[in-house]
């Protein structure tokens, strides 16, 4: 079952990103998109080799639906909004690159920085999964798994490093795939993540023992010395 889920996760990544990018582009001859998908697949492969086999319960959590029992209504709403906004962002990139050309394309230096952001975002997510076995896709008090506060590794720097990785991934994707308009549009899903952080922290303060003390020790939510 573990191998089945690992393979299924890899195939799902390939199919979802493939459809969202190549279908609107209406071509498979898009080298930068293949590179982006390759980086995402490499990041997932690293998790499949070094993280999930040691934490099959975390893999099971990642396969659960976005709406679950015990999840606050506010998180259900904001998570669905984020999924729509994120998928919309990915679809918009090829539309802008191949048809709209609204704000022009980044040059080689900026787009290369975008690829670095993508790699860094995937690396940060890898470190988060490696450190936090409670990194579920929904806000929920995982009582059945003896949910505790994680304050080591990346979680000792900011309280939501997984979201920081997602921000790097989204911004990096738009720049690497050469769409300034999509980079501007990425502010929408990023803003939804910021709102979700506030919802998640309010919930964890009420439900998770020790989270208040953790919040005092690690002062920044997403970006060190900023917020």
N, C-alpha and C. Protein backbone atom coordinates (compact mmCIF):
# COMPACT_ATOMS: atom_id res chain seq x y z
N UNK A 1 0.83 -1.20 0.00
CA UNK A 1 0.00 0.00 0.00
C UNK A 1 0.87 1.26 0.00
N UNK A 2 2.00 1.24 0.75
CA UNK A 2 2.89 2.39 0.79
C UNK A 2 3.45 2.69 -0.59
N UNK A 3 3.96 1.65 -1.26
CA UNK A 3 4.53 1.84 -2.60
C UNK A 3 3.46 2.33 -3.56
N UNK A 4 2.26 1.76 -3.44
CA UNK A 4 1.15 2.17 -4.31
C UNK A 4 0.87 3.66 -4.16
N UNK A 5 0.82 4.14 -2.90
CA UNK A 5 0.53 5.56 -2.67
C UNK A 5 1.68 6.45 -3.15
N UNK A 6 2.91 5.99 -2.97
CA UNK A 6 4.05 6.78 -3.42
C UNK A 6 4.04 6.94 -4.94
N UNK A 7 3.77 5.83 -5.64
CA UNK A 7 3.70 5.89 -7.10
C UNK A 7 2.51 6.73 -7.54
N UNK A 8 1.38 6.55 -6.87
CA UNK A 8 0.18 7.31 -7.21
C UNK A 8 0.42 8.80 -7.03
N UNK A 9 1.10 9.18 -5.95
CA UNK A 9 1.40 10.59 -5.71
C UNK A 9 2.26 11.18 -6.81
N UNK A 10 3.25 10.42 -7.27
CA UNK A 10 4.12 10.88 -8.35
C UNK A 10 3.34 11.05 -9.65
N UNK A 11 2.49 10.07 -9.96
CA UNK A 11 1.69 10.14 -11.17
C UNK A 11 0.71 11.31 -11.11
N UNK A 12 0.11 11.52 -9.93
CA UNK A 12 -0.83 12.63 -9.78
C UNK A 12 -0.15 13.97 -10.01
N UNK A 13 1.06 14.14 -9.45
CA UNK A 13 1.82 15.38 -9.68
C UNK A 13 2.04 15.61 -11.17
N UNK A 14 2.49 14.56 -11.86
CA UNK A 14 2.79 14.67 -13.29
C UNK A 14 1.53 15.00 -14.09
N UNK A 15 0.44 14.29 -13.79
CA UNK A 15 -0.80 14.49 -14.55
C UNK A 15 -1.40 15.86 -14.28
N UNK A 16 -1.47 16.26 -13.01
CA UNK A 16 -2.10 17.54 -12.66
C UNK A 16 -1.34 18.71 -13.27
N UNK A 17 -0.01 18.75 -13.03
CA UNK A 17 0.77 19.86 -13.59
C UNK A 17 0.81 19.78 -15.11
N UNK A 18 0.86 18.56 -15.64
CA UNK A 18 0.87 18.41 -17.09
C UNK A 18 -0.39 18.97 -17.73
N UNK A 19 -1.54 18.63 -17.17
CA UNK A 19 -2.80 19.12 -17.72
C UNK A 19 -2.94 20.63 -17.55
N UNK A 20 -2.61 21.13 -16.35
CA UNK A 20 -2.80 22.56 -16.08
C UNK A 20 -1.87 23.44 -16.91
N UNK A 21 -0.69 22.92 -17.26
CA UNK A 21 0.27 23.72 -18.03
C UNK A 21 0.16 23.49 -19.53
N UNK A 22 0.16 22.24 -19.95
CA UNK A 22 0.27 21.95 -21.38
C UNK A 22 -1.07 22.05 -22.12
N UNK A 23 -2.17 21.78 -21.44
CA UNK A 23 -3.45 21.87 -22.13
C UNK A 23 -3.77 23.32 -22.55
N UNK A 24 -3.64 24.31 -21.64
CA UNK A 24 -3.86 25.71 -22.07
C UNK A 24 -2.82 26.17 -23.09
N UNK A 25 -1.60 25.65 -22.96
CA UNK A 25 -0.55 26.02 -23.93
C UNK A 25 -0.81 25.40 -25.29
N UNK A 26 -1.50 24.27 -25.30
CA UNK A 26 -1.83 23.52 -26.51
C UNK A 26 -0.58 23.10 -27.28
N UNK A 27 0.46 22.76 -26.51
CA UNK A 27 1.69 22.24 -27.08
C UNK A 27 2.48 21.53 -25.99
N UNK A 28 3.22 20.51 -26.39
CA UNK A 28 4.13 19.83 -25.46
C UNK A 28 5.55 20.36 -25.62
N UNK A 29 5.75 21.22 -26.61
CA UNK A 29 7.09 21.76 -26.88
C UNK A 29 7.32 23.02 -26.04
N UNK A 30 7.47 22.80 -24.77
CA UNK A 30 7.67 23.91 -23.82
C UNK A 30 8.70 23.44 -22.79
N UNK A 31 9.96 23.66 -23.14
CA UNK A 31 11.05 23.14 -22.33
C UNK A 31 11.03 23.59 -20.88
N UNK A 32 10.72 24.85 -20.66
CA UNK A 32 10.73 25.37 -19.29
C UNK A 32 9.68 24.69 -18.42
N UNK A 33 8.54 24.36 -19.00
CA UNK A 33 7.51 23.67 -18.24
C UNK A 33 7.98 22.27 -17.85
N UNK A 34 8.67 21.59 -18.76
CA UNK A 34 9.19 20.27 -18.45
C UNK A 34 10.24 20.34 -17.35
N UNK A 35 11.07 21.37 -17.37
CA UNK A 35 12.07 21.55 -16.31
C UNK A 35 11.38 21.77 -14.97
N UNK A 36 10.36 22.63 -14.95
CA UNK A 36 9.61 22.88 -13.72
C UNK A 36 9.01 21.59 -13.17
N UNK A 37 8.34 20.82 -14.04
CA UNK A 37 7.73 19.57 -13.60
C UNK A 37 8.82 18.61 -13.12
N UNK A 38 9.98 18.62 -13.77
CA UNK A 38 11.08 17.77 -13.36
C UNK A 38 11.57 18.09 -11.96
N UNK A 39 11.67 19.38 -11.64
CA UNK A 39 12.09 19.79 -10.30
C UNK A 39 11.06 19.35 -9.26
N UNK A 40 9.78 19.55 -9.56
CA UNK A 40 8.72 19.14 -8.64
C UNK A 40 8.76 17.62 -8.43
N UNK A 41 8.93 16.87 -9.51
CA UNK A 41 9.01 15.41 -9.41
C UNK A 41 10.24 14.97 -8.63
N UNK A 42 11.36 15.67 -8.81
CA UNK A 42 12.57 15.34 -8.07
C UNK A 42 12.38 15.58 -6.57
N UNK A 43 11.70 16.68 -6.24
CA UNK A 43 11.40 16.96 -4.84
C UNK A 43 10.52 15.90 -4.23
N UNK A 44 9.50 15.49 -4.99
CA UNK A 44 8.60 14.44 -4.49
C UNK A 44 9.35 13.11 -4.36
N UNK A 45 10.24 12.81 -5.31
CA UNK A 45 11.02 11.58 -5.24
C UNK A 45 11.90 11.56 -3.99
N UNK A 46 12.49 12.71 -3.65
CA UNK A 46 13.30 12.79 -2.43
C UNK A 46 12.46 12.48 -1.20
N UNK A 47 11.23 13.02 -1.17
CA UNK A 47 10.33 12.72 -0.05
C UNK A 47 9.95 11.25 -0.03
N UNK A 48 9.71 10.68 -1.22
CA UNK A 48 9.30 9.28 -1.33
C UNK A 48 10.40 8.34 -0.85
N UNK A 49 11.66 8.76 -0.99
CA UNK A 49 12.78 7.91 -0.59
C UNK A 49 13.17 8.12 0.87
N UNK A 50 13.23 9.39 1.31
CA UNK A 50 13.81 9.67 2.62
C UNK A 50 12.82 10.09 3.70
N UNK A 51 11.58 10.36 3.35
CA UNK A 51 10.63 10.83 4.36
C UNK A 51 9.46 9.86 4.56
N UNK A 52 8.67 9.66 3.52
CA UNK A 52 7.42 8.93 3.67
C UNK A 52 7.57 7.46 4.09
N UNK A 53 8.62 6.73 3.66
CA UNK A 53 8.75 5.35 4.15
C UNK A 53 8.91 5.26 5.67
N UNK A 54 9.50 6.31 6.27
CA UNK A 54 9.66 6.33 7.73
C UNK A 54 8.42 6.90 8.42
N UNK A 55 7.56 7.56 7.64
CA UNK A 55 6.36 8.18 8.22
C UNK A 55 5.14 7.89 7.35
N UNK A 56 4.74 6.63 7.28
CA UNK A 56 3.58 6.29 6.44
C UNK A 56 2.29 6.96 6.92
N UNK A 57 2.22 7.27 8.23
CA UNK A 57 1.04 7.96 8.75
C UNK A 57 0.93 9.36 8.17
N UNK A 58 2.07 10.01 7.93
CA UNK A 58 2.08 11.34 7.31
C UNK A 58 1.61 11.23 5.86
N UNK A 59 2.07 10.20 5.16
CA UNK A 59 1.63 9.99 3.78
C UNK A 59 0.13 9.77 3.73
N UNK A 60 -0.39 9.00 4.68
CA UNK A 60 -1.84 8.77 4.74
C UNK A 60 -2.60 10.07 4.94
N UNK A 61 -2.07 10.94 5.79
CA UNK A 61 -2.70 12.24 6.03
C UNK A 61 -2.73 13.08 4.75
N UNK A 62 -1.65 13.02 3.99
CA UNK A 62 -1.57 13.83 2.78
C UNK A 62 -2.54 13.37 1.70
N UNK A 63 -3.01 12.12 1.82
CA UNK A 63 -3.95 11.60 0.84
C UNK A 63 -5.41 11.81 1.24
N UNK A 64 -5.63 12.38 2.42
CA UNK A 64 -7.00 12.60 2.86
C UNK A 64 -7.61 13.81 2.14
N UNK A 65 -8.93 13.89 2.07
CA UNK A 65 -9.60 14.97 1.32
C UNK A 65 -9.41 16.34 1.99
N UNK A 66 -9.64 17.43 1.25
CA UNK A 66 -9.44 18.77 1.79
C UNK A 66 -10.52 19.21 2.78
N UNK A 67 -11.59 18.45 2.89
CA UNK A 67 -12.62 18.72 3.88
C UNK A 67 -12.71 17.53 4.82
N UNK A 68 -12.48 17.76 6.13
CA UNK A 68 -12.44 16.66 7.08
C UNK A 68 -13.18 17.02 8.37
N UNK A 69 -13.54 15.99 9.10
CA UNK A 69 -14.17 16.17 10.40
C UNK A 69 -13.16 16.79 11.36
N UNK A 70 -13.63 17.74 12.14
CA UNK A 70 -12.75 18.42 13.10
C UNK A 70 -12.03 19.62 12.53
N UNK A 71 -12.19 19.85 11.25
CA UNK A 71 -11.59 21.01 10.58
C UNK A 71 -12.52 22.20 10.71
N UNK A 72 -12.02 23.35 11.18
CA UNK A 72 -12.91 24.50 11.32
C UNK A 72 -13.48 24.95 9.97
N UNK A 73 -14.70 25.46 10.00
CA UNK A 73 -15.37 25.89 8.77
C UNK A 73 -14.55 26.93 8.02
N UNK A 74 -13.94 27.85 8.75
CA UNK A 74 -13.14 28.90 8.10
C UNK A 74 -12.01 28.29 7.28
N UNK A 75 -11.40 27.23 7.79
CA UNK A 75 -10.31 26.60 7.05
C UNK A 75 -10.85 25.85 5.84
N UNK A 76 -12.02 25.23 5.96
CA UNK A 76 -12.62 24.56 4.81
C UNK A 76 -12.82 25.55 3.67
N UNK A 77 -13.33 26.73 4.00
CA UNK A 77 -13.60 27.74 2.98
C UNK A 77 -12.31 28.27 2.36
N UNK A 78 -11.36 28.64 3.23
CA UNK A 78 -10.14 29.27 2.73
C UNK A 78 -9.28 28.27 1.97
N UNK A 79 -9.30 26.99 2.38
CA UNK A 79 -8.52 25.98 1.67
C UNK A 79 -9.07 25.73 0.27
N UNK A 80 -10.39 25.65 0.15
CA UNK A 80 -10.99 25.48 -1.18
C UNK A 80 -10.70 26.69 -2.06
N UNK A 81 -10.76 27.88 -1.48
CA UNK A 81 -10.44 29.09 -2.24
C UNK A 81 -8.98 29.06 -2.70
N UNK A 82 -8.10 28.61 -1.83
CA UNK A 82 -6.68 28.55 -2.20
C UNK A 82 -6.45 27.55 -3.33
N UNK A 83 -7.07 26.38 -3.25
CA UNK A 83 -6.91 25.37 -4.30
C UNK A 83 -7.34 25.92 -5.65
N UNK A 84 -8.49 26.60 -5.66
CA UNK A 84 -8.98 27.20 -6.91
C UNK A 84 -8.02 28.27 -7.41
N UNK A 85 -7.55 29.13 -6.48
CA UNK A 85 -6.65 30.22 -6.87
C UNK A 85 -5.32 29.68 -7.37
N UNK A 86 -4.81 28.65 -6.71
CA UNK A 86 -3.53 28.07 -7.11
C UNK A 86 -3.63 27.42 -8.50
N UNK A 87 -4.67 26.61 -8.70
CA UNK A 87 -4.86 25.97 -10.01
C UNK A 87 -5.08 27.03 -11.09
N UNK A 88 -5.83 28.09 -10.74
CA UNK A 88 -6.04 29.18 -11.68
C UNK A 88 -4.74 29.87 -12.05
N UNK A 89 -3.85 30.02 -11.08
CA UNK A 89 -2.55 30.63 -11.33
C UNK A 89 -1.74 29.79 -12.32
N UNK A 90 -1.71 28.48 -12.08
CA UNK A 90 -0.94 27.59 -12.96
C UNK A 90 -1.50 27.65 -14.39
N UNK A 91 -2.82 27.64 -14.52
CA UNK A 91 -3.45 27.70 -15.85
C UNK A 91 -3.18 29.04 -16.53
N UNK A 92 -3.16 30.11 -15.74
CA UNK A 92 -2.96 31.44 -16.32
C UNK A 92 -1.57 31.60 -16.93
N UNK A 93 -0.57 30.91 -16.36
CA UNK A 93 0.80 31.06 -16.87
C UNK A 93 0.88 30.75 -18.36
N UNK A 94 0.47 29.55 -18.83
CA UNK A 94 0.55 29.30 -20.28
C UNK A 94 -0.35 30.20 -21.11
N UNK A 95 -1.49 30.59 -20.55
CA UNK A 95 -2.36 31.50 -21.30
C UNK A 95 -1.65 32.82 -21.57
N UNK A 96 -0.93 33.31 -20.56
CA UNK A 96 -0.22 34.57 -20.73
C UNK A 96 1.01 34.40 -21.61
N UNK A 97 1.74 33.31 -21.41
CA UNK A 97 2.99 33.09 -22.16
C UNK A 97 2.71 32.90 -23.65
N UNK A 98 1.66 32.17 -23.98
CA UNK A 98 1.42 31.81 -25.38
C UNK A 98 0.38 32.70 -26.07
N UNK A 99 -0.44 33.46 -25.29
CA UNK A 99 -1.51 34.21 -25.93
C UNK A 99 -1.60 35.67 -25.48
N UNK A 100 -1.66 35.91 -24.17
CA UNK A 100 -2.00 37.24 -23.69
C UNK A 100 -0.82 38.21 -23.70
N UNK A 101 0.33 37.79 -23.18
CA UNK A 101 1.54 38.62 -23.12
C UNK A 101 1.26 39.96 -22.43
N UNK A 102 0.57 39.91 -21.28
CA UNK A 102 0.12 41.15 -20.66
C UNK A 102 1.24 42.07 -20.17
N UNK A 103 2.17 41.55 -19.41
CA UNK A 103 3.21 42.41 -18.83
C UNK A 103 4.60 42.05 -19.33
N UNK A 104 4.67 41.27 -20.37
CA UNK A 104 5.96 40.89 -20.90
C UNK A 104 6.58 39.72 -20.14
N UNK A 105 7.78 39.34 -20.57
CA UNK A 105 8.46 38.18 -20.00
C UNK A 105 9.74 38.60 -19.28
N UNK A 106 10.05 37.96 -18.16
CA UNK A 106 11.32 38.24 -17.47
C UNK A 106 12.50 37.84 -18.35
N UNK A 107 13.60 38.53 -18.17
CA UNK A 107 14.82 38.18 -18.89
C UNK A 107 15.48 36.95 -18.30
N UNK A 108 16.61 36.54 -18.86
CA UNK A 108 17.29 35.32 -18.41
C UNK A 108 17.69 35.33 -16.94
N UNK A 109 18.13 36.47 -16.43
CA UNK A 109 18.58 36.53 -15.03
C UNK A 109 17.39 36.34 -14.09
N UNK A 110 16.32 37.10 -14.33
CA UNK A 110 15.15 37.01 -13.45
C UNK A 110 14.50 35.64 -13.52
N UNK A 111 14.40 35.09 -14.72
CA UNK A 111 13.78 33.77 -14.85
C UNK A 111 14.65 32.70 -14.19
N UNK A 112 15.97 32.86 -14.26
CA UNK A 112 16.86 31.91 -13.59
C UNK A 112 16.71 31.99 -12.07
N UNK A 113 16.53 33.20 -11.56
CA UNK A 113 16.24 33.36 -10.13
C UNK A 113 14.95 32.63 -9.79
N UNK A 114 13.97 32.70 -10.69
CA UNK A 114 12.72 31.99 -10.49
C UNK A 114 12.94 30.49 -10.32
N UNK A 115 13.81 29.92 -11.15
CA UNK A 115 14.09 28.48 -11.04
C UNK A 115 14.76 28.18 -9.70
N UNK A 116 15.63 29.06 -9.25
CA UNK A 116 16.26 28.88 -7.93
C UNK A 116 15.20 28.89 -6.85
N UNK A 117 14.22 29.79 -6.98
CA UNK A 117 13.11 29.84 -6.01
C UNK A 117 12.34 28.51 -5.99
N UNK A 118 12.11 27.96 -7.18
CA UNK A 118 11.37 26.69 -7.26
C UNK A 118 12.14 25.59 -6.53
N UNK A 119 13.44 25.51 -6.81
CA UNK A 119 14.28 24.49 -6.14
C UNK A 119 14.29 24.71 -4.63
N UNK A 120 14.46 25.97 -4.22
CA UNK A 120 14.48 26.28 -2.79
C UNK A 120 13.13 25.96 -2.14
N UNK A 121 12.04 26.26 -2.84
CA UNK A 121 10.72 25.98 -2.30
C UNK A 121 10.51 24.50 -2.08
N UNK A 122 10.90 23.67 -3.07
CA UNK A 122 10.77 22.23 -2.91
C UNK A 122 11.68 21.71 -1.80
N UNK A 123 12.89 22.27 -1.71
CA UNK A 123 13.82 21.84 -0.65
C UNK A 123 13.26 22.18 0.73
N UNK A 124 12.66 23.36 0.84
CA UNK A 124 12.08 23.76 2.12
C UNK A 124 10.90 22.86 2.50
N UNK A 125 10.08 22.52 1.53
CA UNK A 125 8.98 21.60 1.81
C UNK A 125 9.49 20.23 2.24
N UNK A 126 10.56 19.77 1.60
CA UNK A 126 11.18 18.50 1.99
C UNK A 126 11.61 18.54 3.45
N UNK A 127 12.27 19.62 3.84
CA UNK A 127 12.73 19.75 5.23
C UNK A 127 11.56 19.80 6.20
N UNK A 128 10.46 20.43 5.78
CA UNK A 128 9.28 20.50 6.64
C UNK A 128 8.67 19.12 6.86
N UNK A 129 8.52 18.35 5.79
CA UNK A 129 7.98 17.01 5.92
C UNK A 129 8.90 16.13 6.75
N UNK A 130 10.21 16.32 6.58
CA UNK A 130 11.19 15.53 7.32
C UNK A 130 11.11 15.82 8.82
N UNK A 131 10.78 17.06 9.15
CA UNK A 131 10.77 17.48 10.55
C UNK A 131 9.42 17.28 11.22
N UNK A 132 8.34 17.45 10.46
CA UNK A 132 7.00 17.52 11.06
C UNK A 132 6.10 16.39 10.55
N UNK A 133 5.88 15.42 11.39
CA UNK A 133 5.02 14.29 11.00
C UNK A 133 3.54 14.64 11.08
N UNK A 134 3.22 15.85 11.53
CA UNK A 134 1.83 16.29 11.63
C UNK A 134 1.45 17.28 10.54
N UNK A 135 2.26 17.33 9.46
CA UNK A 135 2.03 18.30 8.38
C UNK A 135 0.88 17.86 7.49
N UNK A 136 -0.31 17.87 8.05
CA UNK A 136 -1.52 17.48 7.32
C UNK A 136 -1.95 18.61 6.38
N UNK A 137 -2.70 18.30 5.34
CA UNK A 137 -3.14 19.35 4.42
C UNK A 137 -4.26 20.21 4.96
N UNK A 138 -4.87 19.82 6.08
CA UNK A 138 -5.96 20.61 6.67
C UNK A 138 -5.60 21.01 8.08
N UNK A 139 -6.25 22.06 8.57
CA UNK A 139 -6.10 22.48 9.95
C UNK A 139 -6.98 21.58 10.82
N UNK A 140 -6.33 20.77 11.67
CA UNK A 140 -7.09 19.82 12.48
C UNK A 140 -6.23 19.40 13.67
N UNK A 141 -6.85 19.24 14.82
CA UNK A 141 -6.14 18.72 15.99
C UNK A 141 -6.10 17.21 15.88
N UNK A 142 -4.93 16.67 15.59
CA UNK A 142 -4.78 15.24 15.32
C UNK A 142 -4.61 14.46 16.63
N UNK A 143 -5.69 14.41 17.39
CA UNK A 143 -5.67 13.76 18.70
C UNK A 143 -5.28 12.30 18.58
N UNK A 144 -5.80 11.61 17.55
CA UNK A 144 -5.55 10.19 17.38
C UNK A 144 -4.08 9.88 17.10
N UNK A 145 -3.30 10.90 16.72
CA UNK A 145 -1.88 10.73 16.44
C UNK A 145 -1.01 11.41 17.50
N UNK A 146 -1.60 11.73 18.64
CA UNK A 146 -0.88 12.39 19.74
C UNK A 146 -0.18 13.65 19.26
N UNK A 147 -0.97 14.52 18.66
CA UNK A 147 -0.48 15.76 18.07
C UNK A 147 0.29 16.60 19.08
N UNK A 148 1.52 16.98 18.74
CA UNK A 148 2.35 17.83 19.59
C UNK A 148 2.93 18.97 18.76
N UNK A 149 3.44 19.99 19.43
CA UNK A 149 4.08 21.12 18.77
C UNK A 149 5.45 20.70 18.25
N UNK A 150 5.76 21.07 17.03
CA UNK A 150 7.08 20.84 16.44
C UNK A 150 7.80 22.17 16.39
N UNK A 151 8.96 22.25 17.05
CA UNK A 151 9.69 23.52 17.09
C UNK A 151 11.15 23.38 16.68
N UNK A 152 11.50 22.27 16.04
CA UNK A 152 12.88 22.04 15.63
C UNK A 152 13.04 22.28 14.13
N UNK A 153 14.29 22.30 13.68
CA UNK A 153 14.56 22.48 12.25
C UNK A 153 14.01 23.79 11.72
N UNK A 154 13.37 23.74 10.58
CA UNK A 154 12.81 24.95 9.97
C UNK A 154 11.73 25.58 10.84
N UNK A 155 11.09 24.77 11.68
CA UNK A 155 10.04 25.29 12.56
C UNK A 155 10.61 26.09 13.73
N UNK A 156 11.93 26.08 13.87
CA UNK A 156 12.57 26.93 14.86
C UNK A 156 12.93 28.29 14.30
N UNK A 157 12.70 28.48 12.99
CA UNK A 157 13.01 29.76 12.33
C UNK A 157 11.73 30.57 12.11
N UNK A 158 10.74 29.95 11.49
CA UNK A 158 9.41 30.55 11.33
C UNK A 158 8.37 29.50 11.69
N UNK A 159 7.17 29.94 12.02
CA UNK A 159 6.15 29.01 12.49
C UNK A 159 5.46 28.26 11.34
N UNK A 160 5.57 28.79 10.13
CA UNK A 160 4.89 28.15 8.99
C UNK A 160 5.85 28.03 7.80
N UNK A 161 6.93 27.27 7.95
CA UNK A 161 7.90 27.15 6.86
C UNK A 161 7.34 26.45 5.62
N UNK A 162 6.33 25.58 5.81
CA UNK A 162 5.72 24.92 4.65
C UNK A 162 5.09 25.95 3.72
N UNK A 163 4.42 26.94 4.30
CA UNK A 163 3.82 27.99 3.50
C UNK A 163 4.88 28.87 2.84
N UNK A 164 6.00 29.06 3.55
CA UNK A 164 7.10 29.83 2.96
C UNK A 164 7.62 29.11 1.71
N UNK A 165 7.72 27.78 1.80
CA UNK A 165 8.13 27.01 0.64
C UNK A 165 7.15 27.12 -0.50
N UNK A 166 5.85 27.13 -0.18
CA UNK A 166 4.81 27.26 -1.20
C UNK A 166 4.89 28.62 -1.89
N UNK A 167 5.19 29.67 -1.13
CA UNK A 167 5.32 31.01 -1.70
C UNK A 167 6.49 31.04 -2.68
N UNK A 168 7.64 30.48 -2.28
CA UNK A 168 8.79 30.42 -3.18
C UNK A 168 8.46 29.65 -4.44
N UNK A 169 7.73 28.55 -4.28
CA UNK A 169 7.38 27.73 -5.43
C UNK A 169 6.48 28.49 -6.40
N UNK A 170 5.46 29.17 -5.88
CA UNK A 170 4.53 29.88 -6.75
C UNK A 170 5.19 31.04 -7.48
N UNK A 171 5.92 31.86 -6.75
CA UNK A 171 6.59 33.01 -7.38
C UNK A 171 7.65 32.52 -8.35
N UNK A 172 8.43 31.52 -7.92
CA UNK A 172 9.48 30.99 -8.78
C UNK A 172 8.93 30.39 -10.06
N UNK A 173 7.82 29.67 -9.95
CA UNK A 173 7.20 29.07 -11.14
C UNK A 173 6.83 30.12 -12.16
N UNK A 174 6.21 31.20 -11.72
CA UNK A 174 5.75 32.23 -12.67
C UNK A 174 6.93 32.93 -13.34
N UNK A 175 8.01 33.15 -12.60
CA UNK A 175 9.18 33.81 -13.19
C UNK A 175 9.94 32.88 -14.12
N UNK A 176 10.13 31.63 -13.71
CA UNK A 176 10.84 30.68 -14.56
C UNK A 176 10.08 30.43 -15.86
N UNK A 177 8.74 30.37 -15.78
CA UNK A 177 7.93 30.14 -16.97
C UNK A 177 7.66 31.43 -17.75
N UNK A 178 8.26 32.52 -17.29
CA UNK A 178 8.34 33.78 -18.04
C UNK A 178 7.02 34.52 -18.16
N UNK A 179 6.41 34.81 -17.00
CA UNK A 179 5.17 35.60 -17.01
C UNK A 179 5.16 36.55 -15.83
N UNK A 180 5.43 37.82 -16.08
CA UNK A 180 5.33 38.83 -15.02
C UNK A 180 3.88 38.99 -14.55
N UNK A 181 2.94 38.84 -15.47
CA UNK A 181 1.53 38.98 -15.09
C UNK A 181 1.14 37.88 -14.10
N UNK A 182 1.61 36.66 -14.33
CA UNK A 182 1.32 35.57 -13.41
C UNK A 182 2.00 35.80 -12.07
N UNK A 183 3.20 36.39 -12.09
CA UNK A 183 3.88 36.70 -10.83
C UNK A 183 3.04 37.68 -10.01
N UNK A 184 2.45 38.66 -10.68
CA UNK A 184 1.57 39.60 -9.97
C UNK A 184 0.32 38.87 -9.47
N UNK A 185 -0.22 37.98 -10.29
CA UNK A 185 -1.43 37.24 -9.91
C UNK A 185 -1.17 36.30 -8.73
N UNK A 186 0.08 35.87 -8.54
CA UNK A 186 0.40 34.96 -7.44
C UNK A 186 0.14 35.59 -6.08
N UNK A 187 -0.02 36.92 -6.05
CA UNK A 187 -0.34 37.59 -4.79
C UNK A 187 -1.69 37.13 -4.24
N UNK A 188 -2.58 36.67 -5.12
CA UNK A 188 -3.89 36.20 -4.65
C UNK A 188 -3.77 34.92 -3.83
N UNK A 189 -3.20 33.82 -4.34
CA UNK A 189 -3.05 32.64 -3.48
C UNK A 189 -2.13 32.87 -2.29
N UNK A 190 -1.13 33.73 -2.45
CA UNK A 190 -0.25 34.04 -1.32
C UNK A 190 -1.04 34.75 -0.23
N UNK A 191 -1.89 35.68 -0.63
CA UNK A 191 -2.75 36.37 0.35
C UNK A 191 -3.67 35.41 1.06
N UNK A 192 -4.21 34.42 0.33
CA UNK A 192 -5.08 33.42 0.95
C UNK A 192 -4.30 32.57 1.96
N UNK A 193 -3.04 32.28 1.63
CA UNK A 193 -2.20 31.55 2.59
C UNK A 193 -1.99 32.37 3.86
N UNK A 194 -1.80 33.67 3.70
CA UNK A 194 -1.61 34.54 4.87
C UNK A 194 -2.85 34.52 5.75
N UNK A 195 -4.02 34.57 5.13
CA UNK A 195 -5.27 34.50 5.90
C UNK A 195 -5.38 33.15 6.59
N UNK A 196 -4.99 32.10 5.87
CA UNK A 196 -5.08 30.76 6.46
C UNK A 196 -4.16 30.63 7.67
N UNK A 197 -3.01 31.26 7.63
CA UNK A 197 -2.10 31.24 8.77
C UNK A 197 -2.78 31.78 10.02
N UNK A 198 -3.51 32.88 9.86
CA UNK A 198 -4.22 33.48 11.00
C UNK A 198 -5.30 32.54 11.53
N UNK A 199 -6.02 31.89 10.62
CA UNK A 199 -7.05 30.93 11.02
C UNK A 199 -6.42 29.74 11.75
N UNK A 200 -5.33 29.23 11.18
CA UNK A 200 -4.65 28.07 11.76
C UNK A 200 -4.10 28.38 13.14
N UNK A 201 -3.50 29.55 13.31
CA UNK A 201 -2.91 29.89 14.59
C UNK A 201 -3.99 30.08 15.66
N UNK A 202 -5.09 30.68 15.30
CA UNK A 202 -6.19 30.83 16.26
C UNK A 202 -6.69 29.46 16.72
N UNK A 203 -6.82 28.53 15.78
CA UNK A 203 -7.28 27.19 16.10
C UNK A 203 -6.27 26.45 16.99
N UNK A 204 -4.99 26.53 16.63
CA UNK A 204 -3.97 25.82 17.39
C UNK A 204 -3.79 26.39 18.79
N UNK A 205 -3.96 27.69 18.94
CA UNK A 205 -3.89 28.29 20.27
C UNK A 205 -4.97 27.74 21.19
N UNK A 206 -6.13 27.45 20.61
CA UNK A 206 -7.25 26.92 21.40
C UNK A 206 -7.13 25.42 21.66
N UNK A 207 -6.55 24.69 20.71
CA UNK A 207 -6.61 23.22 20.76
C UNK A 207 -5.29 22.53 21.11
N UNK A 208 -4.17 23.10 20.71
CA UNK A 208 -2.91 22.38 20.82
C UNK A 208 -2.08 22.88 22.01
N UNK A 209 -1.87 22.02 22.94
CA UNK A 209 -1.12 22.37 24.15
C UNK A 209 0.33 22.74 23.79
N UNK A 210 0.78 23.86 24.33
CA UNK A 210 2.15 24.31 24.12
C UNK A 210 2.33 25.24 22.94
N UNK A 211 1.27 25.46 22.16
CA UNK A 211 1.43 26.30 20.97
C UNK A 211 1.64 27.76 21.35
N UNK A 212 1.03 28.20 22.43
CA UNK A 212 1.20 29.58 22.87
C UNK A 212 2.66 29.86 23.23
N UNK A 213 3.28 28.92 23.96
CA UNK A 213 4.69 29.07 24.32
C UNK A 213 5.58 29.03 23.08
N UNK A 214 5.23 28.16 22.14
CA UNK A 214 5.98 28.08 20.88
C UNK A 214 5.90 29.40 20.12
N UNK A 215 4.74 30.01 20.12
CA UNK A 215 4.56 31.29 19.43
C UNK A 215 5.42 32.37 20.07
N UNK A 216 5.64 32.28 21.37
CA UNK A 216 6.49 33.25 22.04
C UNK A 216 7.97 33.02 21.70
N UNK A 217 8.36 31.75 21.54
CA UNK A 217 9.76 31.44 21.23
C UNK A 217 10.10 31.77 19.78
N UNK A 218 9.20 31.41 18.88
CA UNK A 218 9.43 31.67 17.44
C UNK A 218 8.49 32.79 17.03
N UNK A 219 9.02 33.99 16.87
CA UNK A 219 8.19 35.18 16.77
C UNK A 219 7.60 35.41 15.39
N UNK A 220 8.22 34.85 14.35
CA UNK A 220 7.78 35.19 12.99
C UNK A 220 6.99 34.04 12.36
N UNK A 221 5.95 34.41 11.64
CA UNK A 221 5.06 33.42 11.04
C UNK A 221 5.62 32.85 9.73
N UNK A 222 6.05 33.72 8.83
CA UNK A 222 6.37 33.31 7.46
C UNK A 222 7.75 33.75 6.99
N UNK A 223 8.10 35.00 7.28
CA UNK A 223 9.37 35.57 6.81
C UNK A 223 10.13 36.11 8.03
N UNK A 224 11.35 35.62 8.29
CA UNK A 224 12.11 36.10 9.44
C UNK A 224 12.29 37.61 9.43
N UNK A 225 12.07 38.22 10.58
CA UNK A 225 12.24 39.66 10.80
C UNK A 225 11.23 40.53 10.06
N UNK A 226 10.25 39.91 9.38
CA UNK A 226 9.26 40.67 8.65
C UNK A 226 7.86 40.38 9.20
N UNK A 227 7.43 39.11 9.16
CA UNK A 227 6.06 38.76 9.60
C UNK A 227 5.99 37.30 10.02
